[in-house]
PDB file of N, CA and C in Angstrom:
ATOM      1  N   MET A   1       0.828  -1.176   0.000  1.00  0.00           N
ATOM      2  CA  MET A   1       0.000   0.000   0.000  1.00  0.00           C
ATOM      3  C   MET A   1       0.874   1.242   0.000  1.00  0.00           C
ATOM      4  N   ALA A   2       0.304   2.310  -0.508  1.00  0.00           N
ATOM      5  CA  ALA A   2       1.072   3.543  -0.641  1.00  0.00           C
ATOM      6  C   ALA A   2       1.478   4.130   0.705  1.00  0.00           C
ATOM      7  N   ASN A   3       0.755   3.858   1.766  1.00  0.00           N
ATOM      8  CA  ASN A   3       1.098   4.433   3.068  1.00  0.00           C
ATOM      9  C   ASN A   3       1.935   3.495   3.936  1.00  0.00           C
ATOM     10  N   ASP A   4       2.434   2.419   3.353  1.00  0.00           N
ATOM     11  CA  ASP A   4       3.313   1.514   4.096  1.00  0.00           C
ATOM     12  C   ASP A   4       4.612   2.237   4.450  1.00  0.00           C
ATOM     13  N   LEU A   5       5.212   1.858   5.573  1.00  0.00           N
ATOM     14  CA  LEU A   5       6.499   2.425   5.945  1.00  0.00           C
ATOM     15  C   LEU A   5       7.619   1.889   5.071  1.00  0.00           C
ATOM     16  N   MET A   6       7.405   0.706   4.525  1.00  0.00           N
ATOM     17  CA  MET A   6       8.415   0.083   3.691  1.00  0.00           C
ATOM     18  C   MET A   6       7.720  -0.580   2.511  1.00  0.00           C
ATOM     19  N   HIS A   7       8.343  -0.547   1.343  1.00  0.00           N
ATOM     20  CA  HIS A   7       7.786  -1.182   0.154  1.00  0.00           C
ATOM     21  C   HIS A   7       8.789  -2.210  -0.352  1.00  0.00           C
ATOM     22  N   TRP A   8       8.295  -3.374  -0.669  1.00  0.00           N
ATOM     23  CA  TRP A   8       9.143  -4.429  -1.228  1.00  0.00           C
ATOM     24  C   TRP A   8       8.459  -4.949  -2.461  1.00  0.00           C
ATOM     25  N   GLN A   9       9.195  -5.073  -3.542  1.00  0.00           N
ATOM     26  CA  GLN A   9       8.632  -5.574  -4.791  1.00  0.00           C
ATOM     27  C   GLN A   9       9.605  -6.583  -5.371  1.00  0.00           C
ATOM     28  N   THR A  10       9.114  -7.722  -5.761  1.00  0.00           N
ATOM     29  CA  THR A  10       9.942  -8.753  -6.379  1.00  0.00           C
ATOM     30  C   THR A  10       9.733  -8.701  -7.880  1.00  0.00           C
ATOM     31  N   ARG A  11      10.819  -8.748  -8.643  1.00  0.00           N
ATOM     32  CA  ARG A  11      10.738  -8.712 -10.107  1.00  0.00           C
ATOM     33  C   ARG A  11      11.258 -10.029 -10.667  1.00  0.00           C
ATOM     34  N   PHE A  12      10.462 -10.626 -11.534  1.00  0.00           N
ATOM     35  CA  PHE A  12      10.863 -11.810 -12.282  1.00  0.00           C
ATOM     36  C   PHE A  12      10.994 -11.395 -13.737  1.00  0.00           C
ATOM     37  N   SER A  13      12.019 -11.888 -14.418  1.00  0.00           N
ATOM     38  CA  SER A  13      12.186 -11.558 -15.831  1.00  0.00           C
ATOM     39  C   SER A  13      12.495 -12.820 -16.619  1.00  0.00           C
ATOM     40  N   GLY A  14      12.387 -12.696 -17.929  1.00  0.00           N
ATOM     41  CA  GLY A  14      12.728 -13.816 -18.790  1.00  0.00           C
ATOM     42  C   GLY A  14      11.528 -14.624 -19.251  1.00  0.00           C
ATOM     43  N   MET A  15      10.334 -14.117 -19.024  1.00  0.00           N
ATOM     44  CA  MET A  15       9.142 -14.821 -19.472  1.00  0.00           C
ATOM     45  C   MET A  15       8.252 -13.848 -20.226  1.00  0.00           C
ATOM     46  N   SER A  16       7.263 -14.377 -20.915  1.00  0.00           N
ATOM     47  CA  SER A  16       6.326 -13.538 -21.654  1.00  0.00           C
ATOM     48  C   SER A  16       5.385 -12.830 -20.685  1.00  0.00           C
ATOM     49  N   VAL A  17       5.414 -11.515 -20.700  1.00  0.00           N
ATOM     50  CA  VAL A  17       4.552 -10.727 -19.824  1.00  0.00           C
ATOM     51  C   VAL A  17       3.090 -10.933 -20.203  1.00  0.00           C
ATOM     52  N   ASP A  18       2.799 -10.990 -21.491  1.00  0.00           N
ATOM     53  CA  ASP A  18       1.414 -11.172 -21.931  1.00  0.00           C
ATOM     54  C   ASP A  18       0.844 -12.512 -21.462  1.00  0.00           C
ATOM     55  N   SER A  19       1.632 -13.573 -21.554  1.00  0.00           N
ATOM     56  CA  SER A  19       1.191 -14.893 -21.068  1.00  0.00           C
ATOM     57  C   SER A  19       0.997 -14.880 -19.557  1.00  0.00           C
ATOM     58  N   ALA A  20       1.924 -14.242 -18.848  1.00  0.00           N
ATOM     59  CA  ALA A  20       1.814 -14.166 -17.391  1.00  0.00           C
ATOM     60  C   ALA A  20       0.556 -13.399 -16.996  1.00  0.00           C
ATOM     61  N   ALA A  21       0.289 -12.262 -17.666  1.00  0.00           N
ATOM     62  CA  ALA A  21      -0.897 -11.458 -17.352  1.00  0.00           C
ATOM     63  C   ALA A  21      -2.170 -12.258 -17.596  1.00  0.00           C
ATOM     64  N   SER A  22      -2.187 -13.042 -18.660  1.00  0.00           N
ATOM     65  CA  SER A  22      -3.355 -13.884 -18.956  1.00  0.00           C
ATOM     66  C   SER A  22      -3.591 -14.897 -17.834  1.00  0.00           C
ATOM     67  N   GLU A  23      -2.530 -15.512 -17.358  1.00  0.00           N
ATOM     68  CA  GLU A  23      -2.646 -16.487 -16.265  1.00  0.00           C
ATOM     69  C   GLU A  23      -3.082 -15.805 -14.961  1.00  0.00           C
ATOM     70  N   PHE A  24      -2.558 -14.607 -14.708  1.00  0.00           N
ATOM     71  CA  PHE A  24      -2.960 -13.870 -13.508  1.00  0.00           C
ATOM     72  C   PHE A  24      -4.446 -13.519 -13.553  1.00  0.00           C
ATOM     73  N   ARG A  25      -4.924 -13.141 -14.743  1.00  0.00           N
ATOM     74  CA  ARG A  25      -6.364 -12.828 -14.878  1.00  0.00           C
ATOM     75  C   ARG A  25      -7.212 -14.057 -14.595  1.00  0.00           C
ATOM     76  N   LYS A  26      -6.798 -15.203 -15.134  1.00  0.00           N
ATOM     77  CA  LYS A  26      -7.534 -16.459 -14.913  1.00  0.00           C
ATOM     78  C   LYS A  26      -7.584 -16.800 -13.427  1.00  0.00           C
ATOM     79  N   ALA A  27      -6.518 -16.460 -12.699  1.00  0.00           N
ATOM     80  CA  ALA A  27      -6.434 -16.763 -11.267  1.00  0.00           C
ATOM     81  C   ALA A  27      -7.061 -15.662 -10.404  1.00  0.00           C
ATOM     82  N   HIS A  28      -7.633 -14.627 -11.043  1.00  0.00           N
ATOM     83  CA  HIS A  28      -8.294 -13.517 -10.346  1.00  0.00           C
ATOM     84  C   HIS A  28      -7.342 -12.775  -9.407  1.00  0.00           C
ATOM     85  N   CYS A  29      -6.082 -12.608  -9.850  1.00  0.00           N
ATOM     86  CA  CYS A  29      -5.104 -11.846  -9.065  1.00  0.00           C
ATOM     87  C   CYS A  29      -5.430 -10.359  -9.143  1.00  0.00           C
ATOM     88  N   GLU A  30      -5.015  -9.627  -8.117  1.00  0.00           N
ATOM     89  CA  GLU A  30      -5.209  -8.178  -8.087  1.00  0.00           C
ATOM     90  C   GLU A  30      -4.072  -7.503  -8.855  1.00  0.00           C
ATOM     91  N   PHE A  31      -4.420  -6.789  -9.916  1.00  0.00           N
ATOM     92  CA  PHE A  31      -3.438  -6.038 -10.696  1.00  0.00           C
ATOM     93  C   PHE A  31      -3.235  -4.679 -10.030  1.00  0.00           C
ATOM     94  N   LEU A  32      -1.975  -4.247  -9.906  1.00  0.00           N
ATOM     95  CA  LEU A  32      -1.680  -2.937  -9.329  1.00  0.00           C
ATOM     96  C   LEU A  32      -1.756  -1.843 -10.385  1.00  0.00           C
ATOM     97  N   LEU A  33      -1.693  -2.226 -11.639  1.00  0.00           N
ATOM     98  CA  LEU A  33      -1.886  -1.323 -12.762  1.00  0.00           C
ATOM     99  C   LEU A  33      -3.033  -1.898 -13.584  1.00  0.00           C
ATOM    100  N   SER A  34      -3.393  -1.239 -14.664  1.00  0.00           N
ATOM    101  CA  SER A  34      -4.519  -1.715 -15.473  1.00  0.00           C
ATOM    102  C   SER A  34      -4.220  -3.019 -16.200  1.00  0.00           C
ATOM    103  N   GLY A  35      -2.965  -3.371 -16.312  1.00  0.00           N
ATOM    104  CA  GLY A  35      -2.554  -4.588 -17.018  1.00  0.00           C
ATOM    105  C   GLY A  35      -1.103  -4.444 -17.430  1.00  0.00           C
ATOM    106  N   VAL A  36      -0.772  -4.994 -18.586  1.00  0.00           N
ATOM    107  CA  VAL A  36       0.592  -4.911 -19.105  1.00  0.00           C
ATOM    108  C   VAL A  36       0.867  -3.469 -19.536  1.00  0.00           C
ATOM    109  N   VAL A  37       2.013  -2.947 -19.121  1.00  0.00           N
ATOM    110  CA  VAL A  37       2.396  -1.581 -19.496  1.00  0.00           C
ATOM    111  C   VAL A  37       3.731  -1.599 -20.230  1.00  0.00           C
ATOM    112  N   ALA A  38       3.841  -0.735 -21.237  1.00  0.00           N
ATOM    113  CA  ALA A  38       5.099  -0.571 -21.966  1.00  0.00           C
ATOM    114  C   ALA A  38       6.013   0.317 -21.138  1.00  0.00           C
ATOM    115  N   LEU A  39       7.279  -0.015 -21.118  1.00  0.00           N
ATOM    116  CA  LEU A  39       8.261   0.759 -20.366  1.00  0.00           C
ATOM    117  C   LEU A  39       9.148   1.544 -21.330  1.00  0.00           C
ATOM    118  N   PRO A  40       9.637   2.697 -20.894  1.00  0.00           N
ATOM    119  CA  PRO A  40      10.563   3.455 -21.744  1.00  0.00           C
ATOM    120  C   PRO A  40      11.802   2.597 -22.038  1.00  0.00           C
ATOM    121  N   PRO A  41      12.422   2.795 -23.198  1.00  0.00           N
ATOM    122  CA  PRO A  41      13.587   1.975 -23.562  1.00  0.00           C
ATOM    123  C   PRO A  41      14.702   1.959 -22.527  1.00  0.00           C
ATOM    124  N   ALA A  42      14.874   3.024 -21.760  1.00  0.00           N
ATOM    125  CA  ALA A  42      15.964   3.093 -20.793  1.00  0.00           C
ATOM    126  C   ALA A  42      15.612   2.456 -19.447  1.00  0.00           C
ATOM    127  N   GLU A  43      14.438   1.877 -19.301  1.00  0.00           N
ATOM    128  CA  GLU A  43      13.980   1.344 -18.010  1.00  0.00           C
ATOM    129  C   GLU A  43      14.646  -0.001 -17.710  1.00  0.00           C
ATOM    130  N   MET A  44      15.916   0.024 -17.368  1.00  0.00           N
ATOM    131  CA  MET A  44      16.658  -1.149 -16.901  1.00  0.00           C
ATOM    132  C   MET A  44      16.633  -2.327 -17.867  1.00  0.00           C
ATOM    133  N   GLY A  45      16.468  -2.065 -19.167  1.00  0.00           N
ATOM    134  CA  GLY A  45      16.533  -3.120 -20.157  1.00  0.00           C
ATOM    135  C   GLY A  45      15.263  -3.936 -20.307  1.00  0.00           C
ATOM    136  N   PHE A  46      14.158  -3.476 -19.752  1.00  0.00           N
ATOM    137  CA  PHE A  46      12.891  -4.182 -19.882  1.00  0.00           C
ATOM    138  C   PHE A  46      11.979  -3.397 -20.805  1.00  0.00           C
ATOM    139  N   ARG A  47      11.145  -4.103 -21.613  1.00  0.00           N
ATOM    140  CA  ARG A  47      10.277  -3.398 -22.554  1.00  0.00           C
ATOM    141  C   ARG A  47       8.838  -3.306 -22.093  1.00  0.00           C
ATOM    142  N   LYS A  48       8.391  -4.238 -21.275  1.00  0.00           N
ATOM    143  CA  LYS A  48       7.041  -4.159 -20.713  1.00  0.00           C
ATOM    144  C   LYS A  48       6.971  -4.986 -19.437  1.00  0.00           C
ATOM    145  N   SER A  49       5.961  -4.689 -18.608  1.00  0.00           N
ATOM    146  CA  SER A  49       5.817  -5.418 -17.353  1.00  0.00           C
ATOM    147  C   SER A  49       4.377  -5.390 -16.874  1.00  0.00           C
ATOM    148  N   VAL A  50       4.122  -6.219 -15.885  1.00  0.00           N
ATOM    149  CA  VAL A  50       2.834  -6.271 -15.214  1.00  0.00           C
ATOM    150  C   VAL A  50       3.133  -6.455 -13.725  1.00  0.00           C
ATOM    151  N   ILE A  51       2.343  -5.804 -12.864  1.00  0.00           N
ATOM    152  CA  ILE A  51       2.548  -5.927 -11.419  1.00  0.00           C
ATOM    153  C   ILE A  51       1.238  -6.384 -10.785  1.00  0.00           C
ATOM    154  N   VAL A  52       1.339  -7.458 -10.002  1.00  0.00           N
ATOM    155  CA  VAL A  52       0.174  -8.007  -9.302  1.00  0.00           C
ATOM    156  C   VAL A  52       0.527  -8.204  -7.833  1.00  0.00           C
ATOM    157  N   ARG A  53      -0.471  -8.500  -7.023  1.00  0.00           N
ATOM    158  CA  ARG A  53      -0.239  -8.830  -5.614  1.00  0.00           C
ATOM    159  C   ARG A  53      -0.241 -10.336  -5.455  1.00  0.00           C
ATOM    160  N   ASP A  54       0.694 -10.851  -4.650  1.00  0.00           N
ATOM    161  CA  ASP A  54       0.687 -12.276  -4.337  1.00  0.00           C
ATOM    162  C   ASP A  54      -0.355 -12.520  -3.238  1.00  0.00           C
ATOM    163  N   PRO A  55      -0.602 -13.781  -2.866  1.00  0.00           N
ATOM    164  CA  PRO A  55      -1.623 -14.057  -1.851  1.00  0.00           C
ATOM    165  C   PRO A  55      -1.387 -13.370  -0.510  1.00  0.00           C
ATOM    166  N   ASP A  56      -0.144 -13.000  -0.210  1.00  0.00           N
ATOM    167  CA  ASP A  56       0.163 -12.314   1.050  1.00  0.00           C
ATOM    168  C   ASP A  56       0.112 -10.793   0.910  1.00  0.00           C
ATOM    169  N   GLY A  57      -0.231 -10.300  -0.282  1.00  0.00           N
ATOM    170  CA  GLY A  57      -0.353  -8.871  -0.497  1.00  0.00           C
ATOM    171  C   GLY A  57       0.897  -8.166  -0.988  1.00  0.00           C
ATOM    172  N   HIS A  58       1.977  -8.912  -1.265  1.00  0.00           N
ATOM    173  CA  HIS A  58       3.220  -8.300  -1.745  1.00  0.00           C
ATOM    174  C   HIS A  58       3.135  -8.037  -3.248  1.00  0.00           C
ATOM    175  N   ALA A  59       3.744  -6.962  -3.683  1.00  0.00           N
ATOM    176  CA  ALA A  59       3.805  -6.642  -5.109  1.00  0.00           C
ATOM    177  C   ALA A  59       4.800  -7.565  -5.797  1.00  0.00           C
ATOM    178  N   VAL A  60       4.383  -8.134  -6.931  1.00  0.00           N
ATOM    179  CA  VAL A  60       5.248  -8.998  -7.744  1.00  0.00           C
ATOM    180  C   VAL A  60       5.193  -8.475  -9.171  1.00  0.00           C
ATOM    181  N   GLU A  61       6.361  -8.199  -9.734  1.00  0.00           N
ATOM    182  CA  GLU A  61       6.429  -7.685 -11.098  1.00  0.00           C
ATOM    183  C   GLU A  61       7.000  -8.749 -12.027  1.00  0.00           C
ATOM    184  N   ILE A  62       6.361  -8.928 -13.175  1.00  0.00           N
ATOM    185  CA  ILE A  62       6.896  -9.775 -14.244  1.00  0.00           C
ATOM    186  C   ILE A  62       7.336  -8.798 -15.327  1.00  0.00           C
ATOM    187  N   ALA A  63       8.619  -8.820 -15.676  1.00  0.00           N
ATOM    188  CA  ALA A  63       9.166  -7.881 -16.655  1.00  0.00           C
ATOM    189  C   ALA A  63       9.759  -8.657 -17.823  1.00  0.00           C
ATOM    190  N   GLU A  64       9.457  -8.184 -19.028  1.00  0.00           N
ATOM    191  CA  GLU A  64       9.960  -8.811 -20.235  1.00  0.00           C
ATOM    192  C   GLU A  64      11.159  -8.028 -20.731  1.00  0.00           C
ATOM    193  N   ALA A  65      12.288  -8.707 -20.895  1.00  0.00           N
ATOM    194  CA  ALA A  65      13.540  -8.054 -21.274  1.00  0.00           C
ATOM    195  C   ALA A  65      13.525  -7.607 -22.728  1.00  0.00           C
ATOM    196  N   GLU A  66      14.246  -6.527 -22.975  1.00  0.00           N
ATOM    197  CA  GLU A  66      14.455  -6.069 -24.345  1.00  0.00           C
ATOM    198  C   GLU A  66      15.254  -7.134 -25.087  1.00  0.00           C
ATOM    199  N   VAL A  67      14.967  -7.292 -26.333  1.00  0.00           N
ATOM    200  CA  VAL A  67      15.746  -8.218 -27.160  1.00  0.00           C
ATOM    201  C   VAL A  67      16.926  -7.431 -27.715  1.00  0.00           C
ATOM    202  N   ALA A  68      18.117  -7.929 -27.402  1.00  0.00           N
ATOM    203  CA  ALA A  68      19.340  -7.237 -27.850  1.00  0.00           C
ATOM    204  C   ALA A  68      19.492  -7.376 -29.364  1.00  0.00           C
ATOM    205  N   PRO A  69      19.868  -6.304 -30.053  1.00  0.00           N
ATOM    206  CA  PRO A  69      20.087  -6.390 -31.504  1.00  0.00           C
ATOM    207  C   PRO A  69      21.251  -7.314 -31.802  1.00  0.00           C
ATOM    208  N   ARG A  70      21.156  -8.021 -32.907  1.00  0.00           N
ATOM    209  CA  ARG A  70      22.234  -8.969 -33.294  1.00  0.00           C
ATOM    210  C   ARG A  70      23.218  -8.344 -34.227  1.00  0.00           C
TER     211      ARG A  70
END
């Protein structure tokens, strides 16, 4: 919550954000944003993410990494 004295967020990367969001919707998870959001190119190498609450109320972010040019 925004008025917490401390905020902790876990980020997982390396998976499809769209697939993860679909599974979270099926499981009726609470989304902290409206859904999958695009991130600015400089945002730590991730192109999009979704943030949900786990069963204990902690924020969990799934972030999809930018694909490096070959």
